[in-house]
Protein backbone atom coordinates (compact mmCIF):
# COMPACT_ATOMS: atom_id res chain seq x y z
CA MET A 1 262.69 92.57 209.35
CA VAL A 2 263.06 90.07 212.19
CA ARG A 3 266.33 88.15 212.07
CA SER A 4 266.16 85.79 215.04
CA LEU A 5 263.12 85.90 217.31
CA PRO A 6 264.58 83.76 220.14
CA ARG A 7 267.69 85.95 220.35
CA ALA A 8 265.97 89.30 219.71
CA LEU A 9 263.07 89.01 222.18
CA PRO A 10 264.99 88.94 225.50
CA ILE A 11 267.22 91.81 224.38
CA ALA A 12 264.19 93.82 223.21
CA LEU A 13 262.43 93.24 226.53
CA GLY A 14 265.58 94.29 228.41
CA MET A 15 265.81 97.48 226.33
CA ALA A 16 262.15 98.19 227.08
CA LEU A 17 262.75 97.81 230.82
CA ILE A 18 265.77 100.12 230.66
CA GLY A 19 263.76 102.66 228.65
CA MET A 20 260.84 102.54 231.11
CA THR A 21 263.14 102.92 234.10
CA THR A 22 265.05 105.81 232.52
CA TYR A 23 261.88 107.68 231.62
CA LEU A 24 260.28 107.18 235.04
CA PHE A 25 263.47 108.33 236.73
CA ALA A 26 263.72 111.42 234.48
CA ALA A 27 260.05 112.27 235.08
CA GLY A 28 260.42 111.81 238.85
CA LYS A 29 257.99 108.86 238.86
CA ILE A 30 260.38 105.98 239.55
CA GLY A 31 258.11 104.73 242.35
CA ARG A 32 255.53 103.79 239.70
CA LEU A 33 257.76 101.21 238.00
CA PRO A 34 256.08 98.16 239.66
CA ASP A 35 252.64 99.43 238.59
CA GLN A 36 253.86 100.03 235.05
CA LEU A 37 255.36 96.55 234.81
CA ALA A 38 252.05 95.07 235.97
CA GLY A 39 250.25 97.17 233.36
CA LEU A 40 252.16 95.46 230.57
CA ALA A 41 250.00 92.34 231.03
CA THR A 42 246.70 94.09 230.20
CA PRO A 43 244.51 94.33 227.08
CA THR A 44 245.38 98.03 226.88
CA ALA A 45 249.05 97.13 226.54
CA ALA A 46 248.20 94.78 223.66
CA VAL A 47 246.37 97.60 221.83
CA VAL A 48 249.28 99.97 222.48
CA LEU A 49 251.74 97.41 221.07
CA ILE A 50 249.66 97.03 217.90
CA ALA A 51 249.64 100.81 217.34
CA VAL A 52 253.33 101.01 218.18
CA ALA A 53 254.15 98.24 215.73
CA GLY A 54 252.50 100.29 212.98
CA GLU A 55 254.52 103.38 213.86
CA GLU A 56 257.72 101.35 214.00
CA ILE A 57 257.07 99.91 210.54
CA VAL A 58 256.75 103.47 209.20
CA TYR A 59 259.58 105.15 211.13
CA ARG A 60 262.21 102.45 211.63
CA GLY A 61 261.22 100.26 208.75
CA PHE A 62 260.30 102.46 205.79
CA LEU A 63 261.70 105.88 206.79
CA LEU A 64 264.90 104.69 208.50
CA THR A 65 265.87 102.57 205.51
CA ARG A 66 265.45 105.50 203.12
CA LEU A 67 267.23 108.01 205.36
CA VAL A 68 270.20 105.68 205.84
CA ALA A 69 270.39 105.23 202.07
CA GLY A 70 270.40 109.01 201.58
CA PHE A 71 272.42 110.25 204.58
CA GLY A 72 274.58 107.29 205.58
CA THR A 73 274.13 105.03 208.60
CA HIS A 74 274.73 107.52 211.39
CA GLY A 75 273.10 110.50 209.69
CA GLY A 76 270.03 108.49 208.71
CA ILE A 77 269.56 106.96 212.16
CA ILE A 78 269.99 110.29 213.96
CA LEU A 79 267.70 112.10 211.52
CA SER A 80 265.07 109.36 211.84
CA GLY A 81 265.20 109.56 215.64
CA LEU A 82 264.93 113.34 215.64
CA LEU A 83 262.01 113.32 213.17
CA PHE A 84 260.27 110.71 215.30
CA GLU A 85 260.79 112.88 218.36
CA LEU A 86 259.49 116.04 216.65
CA VAL A 87 256.25 114.24 215.79
CA HIS A 88 255.86 113.14 219.42
CA LEU A 89 257.04 116.38 221.06
CA SER A 90 253.56 117.55 222.10
CA ARG A 91 253.31 114.59 224.51
CA TYR A 92 255.80 116.20 226.90
CA SER A 93 253.67 119.31 227.33
CA LEU A 94 251.09 117.07 229.01
CA VAL A 95 253.47 116.08 231.82
CA ALA A 96 255.43 119.32 232.25
CA PRO A 97 254.17 122.72 233.44
CA ASP A 98 255.80 124.60 230.54
CA ALA A 99 257.84 124.02 227.40
CA LEU A 100 261.14 124.63 229.19
CA ALA A 101 260.38 121.98 231.81
CA ALA A 102 259.47 119.49 229.05
CA MET A 103 262.83 119.83 227.29
CA PRO A 104 264.86 117.39 229.48
CA MET A 105 262.25 114.66 228.94
CA ALA A 106 262.08 115.41 225.22
CA ALA A 107 265.88 115.28 224.95
CA MET A 108 265.99 111.99 226.85
CA ALA A 109 263.26 110.53 224.64
CA ALA A 110 265.11 111.69 221.52
CA GLY A 111 268.18 109.86 222.80
CA VAL A 112 266.13 106.71 223.39
CA SER A 113 264.64 107.07 219.90
CA VAL A 114 268.08 107.36 218.29
CA GLY A 115 269.28 104.41 220.42
CA ALA A 116 266.32 102.34 219.27
CA GLY A 117 267.16 103.25 215.69
CA TYR A 118 270.70 101.96 216.14
CA ALA A 119 269.41 98.77 217.78
CA VAL A 120 266.89 98.13 215.01
CA TRP A 121 269.44 98.85 212.29
CA ALA A 122 272.25 96.78 213.80
CA ALA A 123 270.11 93.76 214.62
CA ARG A 124 267.82 94.02 211.61
CA SER A 125 264.94 93.38 214.00
CA SER A 126 262.06 95.78 214.46
CA LEU A 127 261.20 94.03 217.73
CA TYR A 128 263.70 96.27 219.52
CA GLY A 129 261.89 99.39 218.44
CA VAL A 130 258.43 97.94 219.09
CA PHE A 131 259.17 96.90 222.67
CA LEU A 132 261.11 100.04 223.56
CA HIS A 133 258.51 102.32 222.01
CA GLY A 134 255.66 100.40 223.65
CA ALA A 135 257.30 100.57 227.05
CA MET A 136 257.86 104.30 226.68
CA ASN A 137 254.21 104.85 225.70
CA MET A 138 253.01 102.85 228.70
CA VAL A 139 255.07 104.82 231.22
CA GLN A 140 254.31 108.17 229.61
CA GLY A 141 250.65 107.43 230.19
CA ALA A 142 251.34 107.03 233.91
């Protein structure tokens, strides 16, 4: 599903940086951004990207395509993003003292997920989703 690697890669990396920064700011951990950027050049990051690529193939490759076919472009992308977020919702309970405190981060991540769906769909490149998702996983582990 990759259209143009030379054109897609810098945009995907930029989206990942924006996603990381947004999450760290929302979680009150913006001071950790330099450490997180350094962590992207580690073997752990490579393993995370492999796992993320698998999830992206399922959610924004297989599932997104079918949901868009059934619910239209906007409905399918939004539904795909919300389903993706529901599956990952338990992650926010690890960084928040209670469910109510986790809701702003979950809402922000749902927005990023829907945004990644639009980027993947519009560009026909799963690289956008892989890099954004990988960046979010790296900073959430901070």
